[in-house]
Amino acid sequence: MDILRDLWLFLRERKKFWLAPVIVVLLLLGILIVIGGSSALAPFIYTLF
């Protein structure tokens, strides 16, 4: 959790709030890939792409 806190402090200090949606989308895609590769939901997730 220190990484997320440090990332938020960086974004706030440097006024780079436009990066927040990019980071959120990348995190969601990463979670989707992890779930899609190792669960029973994989066939349903692959049909989205």
C-alpha atoms as a PDB file:
ATOM      1  CA  MET A   1       0.000   0.000   0.000  1.00  0.00           C
ATOM      2  CA  ASP A   2       2.997   2.293   0.297  1.00  0.00           C
ATOM      3  CA  ILE A   3       3.287   2.309  -3.479  1.00  0.00           C
ATOM      4  CA  LEU A   4      -0.244   3.631  -3.880  1.00  0.00           C
ATOM      5  CA  ARG A   5       0.312   6.277  -1.222  1.00  0.00           C
ATOM      6  CA  ASP A   6       3.574   7.372  -2.815  1.00  0.00           C
ATOM      7  CA  LEU A   7       1.924   7.460  -6.223  1.00  0.00           C
ATOM      8  CA  TRP A   8      -0.907   9.624  -4.908  1.00  0.00           C
ATOM      9  CA  LEU A   9       1.558  11.990  -3.218  1.00  0.00           C
ATOM     10  CA  PHE A  10       3.511  12.254  -6.477  1.00  0.00           C
ATOM     11  CA  LEU A  11       0.381  13.039  -8.482  1.00  0.00           C
ATOM     12  CA  ARG A  12      -0.767  15.624  -5.961  1.00  0.00           C
ATOM     13  CA  GLU A  13       2.609  17.320  -5.608  1.00  0.00           C
ATOM     14  CA  ARG A  14       3.381  17.493  -9.329  1.00  0.00           C
ATOM     15  CA  LYS A  15      -0.231  18.398 -10.284  1.00  0.00           C
ATOM     16  CA  LYS A  16      -0.428  15.498 -12.707  1.00  0.00           C
ATOM     17  CA  PHE A  17      -3.991  14.472 -11.984  1.00  0.00           C
ATOM     18  CA  TRP A  18      -4.505  13.576 -15.655  1.00  0.00           C
ATOM     19  CA  LEU A  19      -2.427  10.457 -14.988  1.00  0.00           C
ATOM     20  CA  ALA A  20      -4.944   9.086 -12.471  1.00  0.00           C
ATOM     21  CA  PRO A  21      -7.420   7.703 -15.064  1.00  0.00           C
ATOM     22  CA  VAL A  22      -4.559   6.131 -17.015  1.00  0.00           C
ATOM     23  CA  ILE A  23      -3.282   4.372 -13.902  1.00  0.00           C
ATOM     24  CA  VAL A  24      -6.772   3.190 -12.934  1.00  0.00           C
ATOM     25  CA  VAL A  25      -7.392   1.723 -16.394  1.00  0.00           C
ATOM     26  CA  LEU A  26      -4.025  -0.050 -16.352  1.00  0.00           C
ATOM     27  CA  LEU A  27      -4.750  -1.506 -12.913  1.00  0.00           C
ATOM     28  CA  LEU A  28      -8.179  -2.735 -14.027  1.00  0.00           C
ATOM     29  CA  LEU A  29      -6.723  -4.342 -17.145  1.00  0.00           C
ATOM     30  CA  GLY A  30      -4.057  -6.029 -15.036  1.00  0.00           C
ATOM     31  CA  ILE A  31      -6.657  -7.405 -12.651  1.00  0.00           C
ATOM     32  CA  LEU A  32      -8.749  -8.597 -15.589  1.00  0.00           C
ATOM     33  CA  ILE A  33      -5.769 -10.423 -17.075  1.00  0.00           C
ATOM     34  CA  VAL A  34      -4.935 -12.115 -13.769  1.00  0.00           C
ATOM     35  CA  ILE A  35      -8.525 -13.206 -13.222  1.00  0.00           C
ATOM     36  CA  GLY A  36      -8.964 -14.250 -16.845  1.00  0.00           C
ATOM     37  CA  GLY A  37      -5.899 -16.439 -16.884  1.00  0.00           C
ATOM     38  CA  SER A  38      -6.614 -18.494 -13.815  1.00  0.00           C
ATOM     39  CA  SER A  39     -10.319 -18.852 -13.232  1.00  0.00           C
ATOM     40  CA  ALA A  40     -13.459 -20.463 -14.579  1.00  0.00           C
ATOM     41  CA  LEU A  41     -14.532 -17.063 -15.867  1.00  0.00           C
ATOM     42  CA  ALA A  42     -11.763 -17.062 -18.482  1.00  0.00           C
ATOM     43  CA  PRO A  43     -13.964 -18.080 -21.454  1.00  0.00           C
ATOM     44  CA  PHE A  44     -16.407 -15.278 -20.682  1.00  0.00           C
ATOM     45  CA  ILE A  45     -13.693 -12.666 -20.265  1.00  0.00           C
ATOM     46  CA  TYR A  46     -11.996 -13.659 -23.518  1.00  0.00           C
ATOM     47  CA  THR A  47     -15.228 -13.052 -25.435  1.00  0.00           C
ATOM     48  CA  LEU A  48     -15.032  -9.380 -24.418  1.00  0.00           C
ATOM     49  CA  PHE A  49     -11.919  -8.951 -26.527  1.00  0.00           C
END
